[in-house]
Amino acid sequence: MKKIYLIILFAIGNIFGQYYFGQNKIQAFDYDWQVFQTPHFDIYYYPAELKIAQMAGKIAENTWSRYTAHFNYAPDERIPIVIYSSPTLFSETHTTPFIIPEGVGGFTEFIKGRVIIPYDGSVSRFEHILPHELVHIWQIHYNEYLHDAHELFFMDYPPLWFVEGQAEFLSQPVEPVDERTEIIAAIANDRFVLPKNFGYINGTFQMYKEGEDFLRFLSERFGRDTDVRLFEHIWEHGWFDDVFKRTIGISLDDAGILWRQWIMQKYGDYIYRRTPADASGEKISPDGFFFCPIRIDSNTIICKGNRMGYTGIYRIREHKASLIKKIELTESAEATRL
């Protein structure tokens, strides 16, 4: 299952508040919070989670060393990490007033600079998600440092595809299967988007993976520190395209063309052998996000999905989806999924 991540930006309350109205978070029990300290992190956990907290401490400290070397910078402050032992308990968190979308693998609060993350039983996912969120911590602190150094009051920030692409790229130094699969599928099915048009896929899983792959290409072509050099010049210009050309020496458009050529050199033969989805099958679902399908008969599918702000169990018949049962304490809109 594709894991998604959430950056808590307090402005989203105005956008999605109408969906959350009347919904309350219910905590199953009171937490006896403890603090497990490492040289650079304060890890909040409750007693039954001690082993998870210790594992998180090792991952976090290893990540600290790697990111400090990559950014040539380390945050001055200790970094708080709040651990929950399951996605269910994580959904009850009061660290944010918002209802946590189902399937969110963790989030970083940009205002308080802390990471909140559940452990779902998979060590490999935990080893990916925690470093992913810690990239956001470096982005927060490093951006503040750069703007303070240049005595700027208002802070510029890279586009979302760069923010999340960098988090995916740095947390997975070796190209993961889901990145390769998504890129190949996007090209084979004629939905691949070049960087100049990333806004059309903003906030989607495809944006995460294309952003990650584009930064991986830039790293190989222009140097391992290319992502950091781009980040360091954000304060200079109002448009990322200008930052890109000044830093890399070519336009974002030209870099996108080179990136596509790079992909085709690696996977072109395989992509050409694939049959596009619209030629090998028929799309039966309407707009929305649907998964875990179970076919009831030749005309009916029951599946889990998100549509019109509701996650629930849906019946799809004749290209129309009807909500059978709403799942409580989940996302209010697909747009909140990151």
Protein backbone atom coordinates (compact mmCIF):
# COMPACT_ATOMS: atom_id res chain seq x y z
CA MET A 1 0.00 0.00 0.00
CA LYS A 2 1.32 3.45 -0.85
CA LYS A 3 2.21 5.37 2.28
CA ILE A 4 1.47 9.06 2.43
CA TYR A 5 2.78 11.81 4.63
CA LEU A 6 1.31 14.98 6.00
CA ILE A 7 2.87 18.35 6.68
CA ILE A 8 0.69 20.25 9.10
CA LEU A 9 0.18 23.76 7.79
CA PHE A 10 -2.22 25.64 9.99
CA ALA A 11 -3.78 27.43 7.02
CA ILE A 12 -5.54 24.26 5.93
CA GLY A 13 -7.99 24.70 8.78
CA ASN A 14 -9.75 27.41 6.80
CA ILE A 15 -9.96 25.21 3.74
CA PHE A 16 -11.26 22.01 5.25
CA GLY A 17 -12.82 23.22 8.47
CA GLN A 18 -16.36 22.60 7.22
CA TYR A 19 -15.64 18.88 6.99
CA TYR A 20 -14.20 18.64 10.50
CA PHE A 21 -17.05 20.51 12.19
CA GLY A 22 -18.74 18.30 14.76
CA GLN A 23 -16.00 15.65 14.73
CA ASN A 24 -14.12 14.99 17.99
CA LYS A 25 -11.03 12.95 18.67
CA ILE A 26 -11.59 10.30 21.30
CA GLN A 27 -8.59 8.92 23.17
CA ALA A 28 -8.94 5.32 24.33
CA PHE A 29 -6.77 5.92 27.41
CA ASP A 30 -4.55 8.47 29.08
CA TYR A 31 -0.92 8.30 28.00
CA ASP A 32 1.86 8.14 30.58
CA TRP A 33 4.36 9.94 28.39
CA GLN A 34 8.07 9.31 28.93
CA VAL A 35 11.06 10.93 27.23
CA PHE A 36 13.89 8.89 25.71
CA GLN A 37 16.80 11.22 25.04
CA THR A 38 19.57 10.79 22.50
CA PRO A 39 22.33 13.34 21.82
CA HIS A 40 20.08 15.37 19.48
CA PHE A 41 16.50 14.15 19.95
CA ASP A 42 13.78 14.04 22.61
CA ILE A 43 11.63 11.02 21.79
CA TYR A 44 8.25 10.98 23.50
CA TYR A 45 6.74 7.56 24.10
CA TYR A 46 4.67 5.66 26.65
CA PRO A 47 6.17 2.72 28.60
CA ALA A 48 4.93 -0.06 26.31
CA GLU A 49 6.76 1.63 23.41
CA LEU A 50 10.27 1.68 24.89
CA LYS A 51 11.78 -0.65 22.28
CA ILE A 52 10.18 1.36 19.48
CA ALA A 53 11.56 4.57 20.99
CA GLN A 54 15.03 3.04 21.21
CA MET A 55 14.82 1.95 17.58
CA ALA A 56 13.65 5.44 16.61
CA GLY A 57 16.61 6.91 18.48
CA LYS A 58 19.11 4.85 16.49
CA ILE A 59 17.44 5.70 13.18
CA ALA A 60 17.23 9.39 14.09
CA GLU A 61 20.88 9.67 15.15
CA ASN A 62 22.09 7.87 12.02
CA THR A 63 19.93 10.22 9.99
CA TRP A 64 21.32 13.22 11.89
CA SER A 65 24.86 12.30 10.87
CA ARG A 66 23.89 11.76 7.24
CA TYR A 67 21.83 14.95 6.86
CA THR A 68 24.34 17.11 8.73
CA ALA A 69 27.00 16.02 6.25
CA HIS A 70 24.71 16.48 3.23
CA PHE A 71 23.42 19.95 4.18
CA ASN A 72 26.68 20.97 5.85
CA TYR A 73 24.37 22.26 8.57
CA ALA A 74 22.84 20.98 11.81
CA PRO A 75 19.84 22.42 13.69
CA ASP A 76 20.77 24.21 16.92
CA GLU A 77 17.74 22.96 18.84
CA ARG A 78 16.89 19.51 20.09
CA ILE A 79 14.28 17.85 17.89
CA PRO A 80 11.14 16.37 19.47
CA ILE A 81 9.70 13.15 18.04
CA VAL A 82 6.36 11.79 19.26
CA ILE A 83 5.91 8.04 18.76
CA TYR A 84 2.65 6.08 18.66
CA SER A 85 2.70 2.30 18.66
CA SER A 86 -0.09 1.92 16.08
CA PRO A 87 -1.89 3.91 13.37
CA THR A 88 -5.09 3.74 15.46
CA LEU A 89 -3.50 5.46 18.45
CA PHE A 90 -1.79 7.88 16.08
CA SER A 91 -5.19 8.92 14.71
CA GLU A 92 -6.16 10.03 18.24
CA THR A 93 -3.22 12.43 18.60
CA HIS A 94 -3.94 15.82 20.08
CA THR A 95 -0.65 17.25 18.83
CA THR A 96 -2.77 18.71 16.04
CA PRO A 97 -6.45 19.71 16.15
CA PHE A 98 -7.08 18.25 12.71
CA ILE A 99 -8.49 14.81 11.97
CA ILE A 100 -5.59 12.69 10.71
CA PRO A 101 -6.32 11.32 7.22
CA GLU A 102 -6.35 7.54 7.10
CA GLY A 103 -3.17 6.12 5.62
CA VAL A 104 -0.96 9.04 6.68
CA GLY A 105 2.41 7.59 7.66
CA GLY A 106 3.56 10.53 9.78
CA PHE A 107 3.66 14.31 9.78
CA THR A 108 5.88 17.24 10.66
CA GLU A 109 4.54 20.36 12.33
CA PHE A 110 6.24 23.30 10.66
CA ILE A 111 5.36 25.72 13.47
CA LYS A 112 6.56 23.63 16.40
CA GLY A 113 9.25 21.76 14.51
CA ARG A 114 8.35 18.31 15.78
CA VAL A 115 7.72 14.96 14.14
CA ILE A 116 4.69 12.81 14.99
CA ILE A 117 4.85 9.28 13.67
CA PRO A 118 3.19 5.88 14.23
CA TYR A 119 4.85 2.48 14.12
CA ASP A 120 2.70 0.09 12.10
CA GLY A 121 4.79 -3.03 12.65
CA SER A 122 7.00 -2.60 9.58
CA VAL A 123 10.62 -1.76 10.41
CA SER A 124 11.43 -0.99 6.77
CA ARG A 125 8.59 1.55 6.49
CA PHE A 126 9.62 3.12 9.79
CA GLU A 127 13.20 3.40 8.52
CA HIS A 128 11.86 5.32 5.53
CA ILE A 129 9.15 7.47 7.10
CA LEU A 130 11.17 8.82 10.04
CA PRO A 131 14.09 10.02 7.85
CA HIS A 132 11.51 11.44 5.40
CA GLU A 133 9.99 13.58 8.14
CA LEU A 134 13.42 14.59 9.43
CA VAL A 135 14.21 16.09 6.03
CA HIS A 136 11.35 18.50 6.72
CA ILE A 137 12.98 19.39 10.05
CA TRP A 138 16.21 20.26 8.24
CA GLN A 139 14.24 22.25 5.67
CA ILE A 140 12.56 24.28 8.44
CA HIS A 141 15.71 25.06 10.41
CA TYR A 142 18.00 25.58 7.42
CA ASN A 143 15.52 27.92 5.75
CA GLU A 144 15.25 29.96 8.96
CA TYR A 145 19.04 30.08 9.21
CA LEU A 146 19.45 31.28 5.61
CA HIS A 147 16.82 33.99 5.92
CA ASP A 148 18.21 35.20 9.26
CA ALA A 149 21.70 35.30 7.77
CA HIS A 150 20.43 37.65 5.07
CA GLU A 151 18.24 39.63 7.50
CA LEU A 152 15.01 38.79 5.70
CA PHE A 153 11.71 38.96 7.55
CA PHE A 154 9.55 37.08 5.04
CA MET A 155 10.61 33.54 4.23
CA ASP A 156 10.45 32.07 0.75
CA TYR A 157 9.95 28.35 0.36
CA PRO A 158 10.52 25.90 -2.49
CA PRO A 159 7.51 24.47 -4.34
CA LEU A 160 5.81 21.43 -2.83
CA TRP A 161 7.26 19.03 -5.41
CA PHE A 162 10.75 20.04 -4.28
CA VAL A 163 9.91 19.89 -0.55
CA GLU A 164 8.47 16.38 -0.79
CA GLY A 165 10.78 15.22 -3.56
CA GLN A 166 13.81 16.12 -1.45
CA ALA A 167 12.31 14.30 1.55
CA GLU A 168 11.79 11.17 -0.53
CA PHE A 169 15.15 11.43 -2.29
CA LEU A 170 17.25 11.87 0.86
CA SER A 171 15.34 9.30 2.91
CA GLN A 172 15.87 6.68 0.18
CA PRO A 173 19.44 7.01 -1.15
CA VAL A 174 18.95 3.96 -3.38
CA GLU A 175 16.17 4.26 -5.97
CA PRO A 176 13.16 2.42 -4.47
CA VAL A 177 10.83 0.17 -6.42
CA ASP A 178 7.82 2.48 -6.03
CA GLU A 179 9.72 5.39 -7.59
CA ARG A 180 10.81 3.34 -10.60
CA THR A 181 7.36 1.79 -11.00
CA GLU A 182 5.53 5.12 -10.87
CA ILE A 183 7.86 6.79 -13.38
CA ILE A 184 7.61 3.89 -15.84
CA ALA A 185 3.82 3.73 -15.49
CA ALA A 186 3.48 7.50 -15.97
CA ILE A 187 5.44 7.47 -19.22
CA ALA A 188 3.83 4.28 -20.55
CA ASN A 189 0.34 5.65 -19.89
CA ASP A 190 1.06 9.14 -21.25
CA ARG A 191 0.60 10.95 -17.93
CA PHE A 192 4.24 11.83 -17.30
CA VAL A 193 4.67 15.49 -16.34
CA LEU A 194 7.79 17.61 -16.85
CA PRO A 195 8.92 19.90 -14.00
CA LYS A 196 7.44 23.06 -15.52
CA ASN A 197 3.99 21.43 -15.19
CA PHE A 198 4.37 19.80 -11.76
CA GLY A 199 1.61 22.12 -10.54
CA TYR A 200 -0.91 19.94 -12.39
CA ILE A 201 -0.09 16.97 -10.14
CA ASN A 202 0.44 18.98 -6.96
CA GLY A 203 -0.03 16.96 -3.77
CA THR A 204 -0.40 13.58 -5.50
CA PHE A 205 1.64 10.41 -5.13
CA GLN A 206 2.87 11.00 -8.68
CA MET A 207 4.23 14.40 -7.61
CA TYR A 208 6.17 12.77 -4.76
CA LYS A 209 7.76 10.20 -7.03
CA GLU A 210 8.44 12.48 -10.00
CA GLY A 211 9.95 15.10 -7.69
CA GLU A 212 12.12 12.42 -6.09
CA ASP A 213 13.25 11.05 -9.44
CA PHE A 214 13.98 14.50 -10.89
CA LEU A 215 16.21 15.34 -7.91
CA ARG A 216 17.92 11.96 -8.30
CA PHE A 217 18.68 12.85 -11.91
CA LEU A 218 20.00 16.29 -10.93
CA SER A 219 22.21 14.68 -8.31
CA GLU A 220 23.73 12.34 -10.88
CA ARG A 221 24.13 14.96 -13.60
CA PHE A 222 25.06 18.11 -11.66
CA GLY A 223 26.47 16.86 -8.36
CA ARG A 224 25.31 15.14 -5.20
CA ASP A 225 24.69 18.47 -3.43
CA THR A 226 22.49 19.95 -6.18
CA ASP A 227 19.34 19.84 -4.04
CA VAL A 228 21.09 21.72 -1.22
CA ARG A 229 22.50 24.34 -3.60
CA LEU A 230 19.01 24.96 -4.95
CA PHE A 231 17.63 25.26 -1.42
CA GLU A 232 20.40 27.70 -0.44
CA HIS A 233 19.37 30.17 -3.16
CA ILE A 234 15.62 30.18 -2.46
CA TRP A 235 15.88 33.49 -0.61
CA GLU A 236 17.30 35.29 -3.67
CA HIS A 237 14.36 35.17 -6.08
CA GLY A 238 10.59 35.07 -6.05
CA TRP A 239 10.36 32.39 -8.75
CA PHE A 240 11.85 28.93 -8.46
CA ASP A 241 12.56 28.86 -12.21
CA ASP A 242 14.94 31.81 -11.71
CA VAL A 243 16.61 30.12 -8.73
CA PHE A 244 17.05 26.97 -10.78
CA LYS A 245 18.69 28.64 -13.79
CA ARG A 246 20.97 30.78 -11.63
CA THR A 247 22.09 27.75 -9.61
CA ILE A 248 22.28 24.99 -12.22
CA GLY A 249 23.10 27.04 -15.29
CA ILE A 250 20.26 25.76 -17.47
CA SER A 251 16.53 26.38 -17.40
CA LEU A 252 14.05 24.16 -15.58
CA ASP A 253 12.46 23.35 -18.95
CA ASP A 254 15.76 22.18 -20.44
CA ALA A 255 16.58 20.16 -17.33
CA GLY A 256 13.20 18.45 -17.64
CA ILE A 257 13.96 17.40 -21.21
CA LEU A 258 17.34 16.00 -20.16
CA TRP A 259 15.64 14.17 -17.29
CA ARG A 260 13.19 12.47 -19.64
CA GLN A 261 16.04 11.40 -21.92
CA TRP A 262 17.87 10.01 -18.87
CA ILE A 263 14.80 7.96 -17.94
CA MET A 264 14.36 6.62 -21.46
CA GLN A 265 18.01 5.57 -21.61
CA LYS A 266 17.46 3.48 -18.49
CA TYR A 267 13.96 2.10 -19.05
CA GLY A 268 13.04 2.88 -22.65
CA ASP A 269 13.09 -0.72 -23.90
CA TYR A 270 10.88 -1.87 -21.05
CA ILE A 271 8.47 1.07 -21.44
CA TYR A 272 8.01 0.42 -25.16
CA ARG A 273 7.07 -3.21 -24.42
CA ARG A 274 4.34 -2.20 -21.98
CA THR A 275 0.73 -1.99 -23.10
CA PRO A 276 -0.91 1.27 -21.95
CA ALA A 277 -3.63 0.79 -19.35
CA ASP A 278 -6.33 2.36 -21.53
CA ALA A 279 -5.52 -0.17 -24.28
CA SER A 280 -5.45 -3.23 -22.04
CA GLY A 281 -8.41 -2.46 -19.83
CA GLU A 282 -11.32 -0.17 -19.11
CA LYS A 283 -11.49 2.45 -16.40
CA ILE A 284 -14.56 1.69 -14.34
CA SER A 285 -14.19 4.08 -11.41
CA PRO A 286 -15.34 7.70 -11.43
CA ASP A 287 -13.23 10.57 -10.12
CA GLY A 288 -11.79 9.86 -6.70
CA PHE A 289 -9.33 7.53 -5.04
CA PHE A 290 -10.32 3.85 -4.85
CA PHE A 291 -8.38 0.79 -3.72
CA CYS A 292 -8.71 -2.77 -2.32
CA PRO A 293 -11.39 -3.76 -4.88
CA ILE A 294 -13.54 -6.87 -4.50
CA ARG A 295 -15.63 -7.90 -7.52
CA ILE A 296 -19.14 -8.96 -6.51
CA ASP A 297 -20.40 -9.71 -10.01
CA SER A 298 -19.66 -8.69 -13.59
CA ASN A 299 -21.07 -5.20 -13.01
CA THR A 300 -20.33 -4.46 -9.36
CA ILE A 301 -17.21 -3.79 -7.31
CA ILE A 302 -17.00 -3.09 -3.59
CA CYS A 303 -13.93 -1.13 -2.55
CA LYS A 304 -12.47 1.33 -0.12
CA GLY A 305 -12.19 4.86 -1.40
CA ASN A 306 -12.18 8.59 -0.92
CA ARG A 307 -14.60 10.79 -2.82
CA MET A 308 -16.19 14.16 -2.11
CA GLY A 309 -14.37 14.40 1.19
CA TYR A 310 -15.44 11.06 2.64
CA THR A 311 -13.45 7.90 3.16
CA GLY A 312 -15.62 4.83 3.28
CA ILE A 313 -16.75 1.62 1.65
CA TYR A 314 -18.07 2.27 -1.86
CA ARG A 315 -20.10 0.31 -4.41
CA ILE A 316 -19.05 0.99 -8.00
CA ARG A 317 -21.54 0.04 -10.70
CA GLU A 318 -21.79 1.38 -14.25
CA HIS A 319 -19.03 3.96 -13.62
CA LYS A 320 -20.91 5.40 -10.64
CA ALA A 321 -19.77 5.19 -7.01
CA SER A 322 -22.18 5.17 -4.09
CA LEU A 323 -21.13 5.42 -0.45
CA ILE A 324 -22.19 2.35 1.54
CA LYS A 325 -20.59 3.17 4.87
CA LYS A 326 -18.53 6.15 5.98
CA ILE A 327 -15.34 5.36 7.90
CA GLU A 328 -15.01 7.66 10.91
CA LEU A 329 -11.92 9.60 11.95
CA THR A 330 -10.43 9.74 8.48
CA GLU A 331 -9.66 12.37 5.90
CA SER A 332 -12.08 15.06 4.89
CA ALA A 333 -10.64 15.58 1.44
CA GLU A 334 -8.14 13.83 -0.79
CA ALA A 335 -6.32 17.13 -1.06
CA THR A 336 -5.17 16.74 2.56
CA ARG A 337 -3.20 13.61 1.62
CA LEU A 338 0.49 14.22 1.11
